Structures are given as C-alpha cells and as structure tokens.
C-alpha cells in the first residue's frame, strides 16, 4: 500500500516460549545440540589459555569468569572483563600495600577508607604500586593496554572482538604472572613450594 512503512525488529521470545508446557524439554535438547556443535571450538579456545596458579583474592571469581567468557566465545564481554579483573587485582594489591608497613602487619582499612580506596583511578593505583615496588615498572604497559581495550568495548566501540580478546587475555595473564601468581615468589621443588631467592625474583620480573 502507498505510504506503508516497514521496520526491522530484533526479538528474543525464548523466555515466553519456555512458559509453554513441554517447551523446556525442547529447549534443553536445543542447548545440548548447540554445545555439541561448538565443542571443538570450545576445546580449542580452552587449550589456548595459559595455565594459572594464583593466590586467592576478591579477583578470583571474576578471573575465572573472564577465562570462561573466552572459552565460550563471548569475546566482547571477555575484553571488558579483562579490564575489570586487572582493576580488581590492582585494588587488592593496594590494600595489601597499605596493610603491610615496613614488613609488619598494620590495621586493615576501615569500611569508609575502603570506599575511598575504590575511588582512586586505576592509573594512580598503578603508579602507587610501582612506586612502592609492589609491581615492576614493566607491567605498566600491560595495565595500559588492558585499560584501553576495556574502555573501547565498555563504550560499544569494539570492532574486532576475537582479535582484541586474545590481546586482552594475553596482557591480563602477564599481569597475573607479575602480581598474584604463586610462581612470582615460589618454585615447586620435590613437590613442595619453595620461596625464590631475591635474585630469582628480579630475574623473573625482568621477563614480565
């Protein structure tokens, strides 16, 4: 008809369909088939990730979620989560830096102090950690790379999610190796964790 207009509409009616009796079983079968179809890619991406062994912290769950997003092929979200994980690691390290003074245990930050710490920009947190020698200056570029990618995708400007997810994951794991990895300060000898010497720590840091 003259003057009639058409519009494109994106829909996801799955939640409504699942309310129909019997449709849940059909959807379960659909999920199983989709998983089987993608299983080779899932295994491939799992093999691409570095193995990790880190000290536990508030970043642990989001680190695992970040890796899982990559495994599942959710690259856009993965890039953003890499940035969030790096920020959480940096914030946790800052708390530890404040807690330990001159090698002695101090008082933990109060709830109010904790809120203020969370407001410090990542760039400032990173510089504080470098200045106090909690992390090596070499890691600065990795934090910066992750932050730039995170900002791009957090604002919907990403154009190459798979390629950028690989970059972000790579930088994140370099940050992990230089911060919260168990192997930053320990080696495994005869099945036991053995503290590294200062010389070994400097050597491993220079490779970060």
Protein backbone atom coordinates (compact mmCIF):
# COMPACT_ATOMS: atom_id res chain seq x y z
CA UNK A 1 0.00 0.00 0.00
CA UNK A 2 1.23 3.51 -0.76
CA UNK A 3 2.86 5.13 2.22
CA UNK A 4 3.18 1.87 4.14
CA UNK A 5 6.43 1.64 6.09
CA UNK A 6 8.34 -1.42 7.28
CA UNK A 7 10.75 -1.63 10.19
CA UNK A 8 13.33 -4.21 11.20
CA UNK A 9 12.85 -5.68 14.65
CA UNK A 10 15.23 -7.87 16.68
CA UNK A 11 13.43 -10.22 19.02
CA UNK A 12 14.16 -12.93 21.56
CA UNK A 13 10.91 -14.62 22.54
CA UNK A 14 12.58 -17.61 24.20
CA UNK A 15 11.53 -16.58 27.75
CA UNK A 16 7.87 -16.51 26.66
CA UNK A 17 8.13 -19.77 24.72
CA UNK A 18 9.60 -21.55 27.78
CA UNK A 19 6.43 -20.74 29.71
CA UNK A 20 4.51 -23.05 27.38
CA UNK A 21 4.12 -26.55 28.91
CA UNK A 22 6.59 -29.03 27.38
CA UNK A 23 8.83 -26.43 25.75
CA UNK A 24 11.52 -26.67 28.45
CA UNK A 25 12.46 -30.18 27.29
CA UNK A 26 12.70 -28.99 23.69
CA UNK A 27 14.95 -26.13 24.76
CA UNK A 28 17.19 -28.47 26.75
CA UNK A 29 17.71 -30.52 23.60
CA UNK A 30 18.46 -27.33 21.64
CA UNK A 31 21.13 -26.33 24.19
CA UNK A 32 22.72 -29.78 24.03
CA UNK A 33 22.87 -29.68 20.24
CA UNK A 34 24.35 -26.18 20.26
CA UNK A 35 27.03 -27.31 22.72
CA UNK A 36 27.88 -30.33 20.60
CA UNK A 37 28.12 -28.13 17.51
CA UNK A 38 30.59 -25.78 19.22
CA UNK A 39 32.51 -28.29 21.33
CA UNK A 40 35.60 -28.43 19.09
CA UNK A 41 35.97 -24.64 19.20
CA UNK A 42 35.42 -24.67 22.97
CA UNK A 43 38.22 -27.20 23.44
CA UNK A 44 40.50 -25.25 21.09
CA UNK A 45 40.00 -22.00 23.00
CA UNK A 46 40.50 -23.78 26.34
CA UNK A 47 43.87 -25.04 25.12
CA UNK A 48 44.84 -21.51 24.06
CA UNK A 49 44.60 -20.19 27.62
CA UNK A 50 47.66 -20.24 29.89
CA UNK A 51 47.50 -22.49 32.94
CA UNK A 52 47.33 -20.45 36.13
CA UNK A 53 48.03 -20.88 39.83
CA UNK A 54 47.27 -17.75 41.81
CA UNK A 55 46.89 -16.65 45.39
CA UNK A 56 43.18 -16.33 46.28
CA UNK A 57 41.60 -12.91 46.43
CA UNK A 58 38.48 -10.98 45.57
CA UNK A 59 39.57 -11.14 41.92
CA UNK A 60 39.48 -14.95 41.83
CA UNK A 61 35.85 -15.42 40.77
CA UNK A 62 35.91 -12.71 38.12
CA UNK A 63 39.21 -14.05 36.78
CA UNK A 64 37.60 -17.46 36.28
CA UNK A 65 34.55 -15.82 34.69
CA UNK A 66 36.81 -13.85 32.33
CA UNK A 67 38.52 -17.02 31.16
CA UNK A 68 35.18 -18.79 30.79
CA UNK A 69 33.88 -16.00 28.55
CA UNK A 70 36.86 -16.54 26.23
CA UNK A 71 36.29 -20.29 26.21
CA UNK A 72 32.63 -19.79 25.30
CA UNK A 73 33.50 -17.37 22.50
CA UNK A 74 31.91 -14.34 24.16
CA UNK A 75 34.79 -12.12 23.10
CA UNK A 76 33.17 -8.70 23.51
CA UNK A 77 32.32 -9.38 27.15
CA UNK A 78 35.70 -11.04 27.68
CA UNK A 79 37.59 -7.86 26.77
CA UNK A 80 35.59 -5.82 29.27
CA UNK A 81 36.06 -8.43 32.00
CA UNK A 82 39.83 -8.46 31.40
CA UNK A 83 39.84 -4.78 32.30
CA UNK A 84 37.65 -5.32 35.34
CA UNK A 85 39.85 -8.19 36.56
CA UNK A 86 43.07 -6.16 36.15
CA UNK A 87 41.50 -3.29 38.10
CA UNK A 88 40.41 -5.65 40.88
CA UNK A 89 43.90 -7.15 41.14
CA UNK A 90 45.44 -3.68 41.35
CA UNK A 91 42.97 -2.58 44.02
CA UNK A 92 43.61 -5.71 46.09
CA UNK A 93 47.37 -5.16 45.87
CA UNK A 94 46.92 -1.57 47.02
CA UNK A 95 45.04 -2.76 50.11
CA UNK A 96 47.87 -5.18 50.92
CA UNK A 97 50.43 -2.40 50.43
CA UNK A 98 48.59 -0.25 52.96
CA UNK A 99 48.08 -3.18 55.35
CA UNK A 100 51.75 -4.12 55.50
CA UNK A 101 54.13 -1.37 56.54
CA UNK A 102 57.85 -1.93 56.98
CA UNK A 103 57.29 -5.67 56.87
CA UNK A 104 54.82 -5.56 59.75
CA UNK A 105 51.10 -6.18 59.78
CA UNK A 106 49.08 -3.00 60.17
CA UNK A 107 45.42 -2.36 60.69
CA UNK A 108 43.13 -3.19 57.75
CA UNK A 109 41.39 -0.23 56.09
CA UNK A 110 38.08 0.71 57.68
CA UNK A 111 34.87 0.41 55.66
CA UNK A 112 34.97 4.13 54.89
CA UNK A 113 38.66 4.00 53.97
CA UNK A 114 37.91 1.02 51.75
CA UNK A 115 35.27 3.04 49.89
CA UNK A 116 37.77 5.84 49.33
CA UNK A 117 40.39 3.40 48.06
CA UNK A 118 37.92 2.08 45.49
CA UNK A 119 37.53 5.63 44.11
CA UNK A 120 41.21 6.03 43.24
CA UNK A 121 41.68 5.93 39.43
CA UNK A 122 43.47 2.85 38.12
CA UNK A 123 46.31 4.96 36.70
CA UNK A 124 47.03 6.34 40.17
CA UNK A 125 46.76 2.90 41.79
CA UNK A 126 49.19 1.51 39.23
CA UNK A 127 51.73 4.30 39.83
CA UNK A 128 51.47 3.81 43.61
CA UNK A 129 52.14 0.09 43.24
CA UNK A 130 55.16 0.77 41.03
CA UNK A 131 56.49 3.48 43.38
CA UNK A 132 56.22 1.12 46.36
CA UNK A 133 57.84 -1.67 44.29
CA UNK A 134 54.84 -3.97 44.73
CA UNK A 135 54.89 -4.46 40.96
CA UNK A 136 57.61 -3.91 38.39
CA UNK A 137 57.53 -0.91 36.06
CA UNK A 138 57.48 -3.33 33.10
CA UNK A 139 53.87 -4.22 33.92
CA UNK A 140 52.74 -0.63 33.39
CA UNK A 141 52.36 -1.15 29.63
CA UNK A 142 50.25 -4.28 30.15
CA UNK A 143 47.86 -2.49 32.51
CA UNK A 144 47.63 0.35 29.98
CA UNK A 145 46.87 -2.00 27.06
CA UNK A 146 44.10 -3.71 29.00
CA UNK A 147 42.59 -0.38 30.11
CA UNK A 148 42.47 0.97 26.55
CA UNK A 149 40.80 -2.17 25.21
CA UNK A 150 38.37 -2.27 28.11
CA UNK A 151 37.32 1.34 27.57
CA UNK A 152 36.77 0.76 23.86
CA UNK A 153 34.47 -2.21 24.42
CA UNK A 154 32.76 -0.84 27.52
CA UNK A 155 31.55 2.05 25.36
CA UNK A 156 30.44 -0.13 22.45
CA UNK A 157 33.25 0.86 20.10
CA UNK A 158 34.84 -2.54 19.61
CA UNK A 159 35.23 -3.78 16.04
CA UNK A 160 37.45 -6.88 16.29
CA UNK A 161 36.29 -8.70 19.46
CA UNK A 162 38.04 -12.03 18.81
CA UNK A 163 41.38 -10.42 17.98
CA UNK A 164 41.13 -7.94 20.85
CA UNK A 165 40.06 -10.65 23.32
CA UNK A 166 43.28 -12.51 22.54
CA UNK A 167 45.28 -9.32 23.16
CA UNK A 168 43.44 -8.56 26.40
CA UNK A 169 43.75 -12.12 27.75
CA UNK A 170 47.47 -12.14 26.91
CA UNK A 171 48.10 -8.85 28.74
CA UNK A 172 45.96 -9.94 31.69
CA UNK A 173 47.96 -13.11 32.19
CA UNK A 174 51.21 -11.16 32.04
CA UNK A 175 49.78 -9.00 34.83
CA UNK A 176 48.87 -12.15 36.75
CA UNK A 177 52.37 -13.59 36.35
CA UNK A 178 53.84 -10.36 37.71
CA UNK A 179 51.43 -9.92 40.61
CA UNK A 180 49.24 -12.66 42.06
CA UNK A 181 50.75 -15.78 40.52
CA UNK A 182 52.07 -18.25 43.09
CA UNK A 183 55.13 -18.65 40.88
CA UNK A 184 56.09 -14.99 41.30
CA UNK A 185 57.68 -15.85 44.64
CA UNK A 186 57.71 -19.65 44.77
CA UNK A 187 59.11 -22.58 42.80
CA UNK A 188 57.99 -26.19 43.06
CA UNK A 189 60.80 -28.49 44.13
CA UNK A 190 60.25 -32.12 45.07
CA UNK A 191 56.52 -31.50 45.12
CA UNK A 192 56.76 -28.57 47.55
CA UNK A 193 56.55 -24.79 47.22
CA UNK A 194 59.97 -23.27 47.88
CA UNK A 195 60.44 -19.48 48.20
CA UNK A 196 62.52 -17.96 45.41
CA UNK A 197 65.67 -16.05 46.24
CA UNK A 198 65.79 -12.29 45.66
CA UNK A 199 67.94 -12.90 42.58
CA UNK A 200 65.33 -15.24 41.12
CA UNK A 201 62.57 -12.73 41.78
CA UNK A 202 64.45 -9.99 39.96
CA UNK A 203 65.16 -12.33 37.07
CA UNK A 204 61.52 -13.38 36.70
CA UNK A 205 60.36 -9.77 37.00
CA UNK A 206 62.62 -8.70 34.14
CA UNK A 207 60.87 -11.26 31.93
CA UNK A 208 57.37 -9.97 32.73
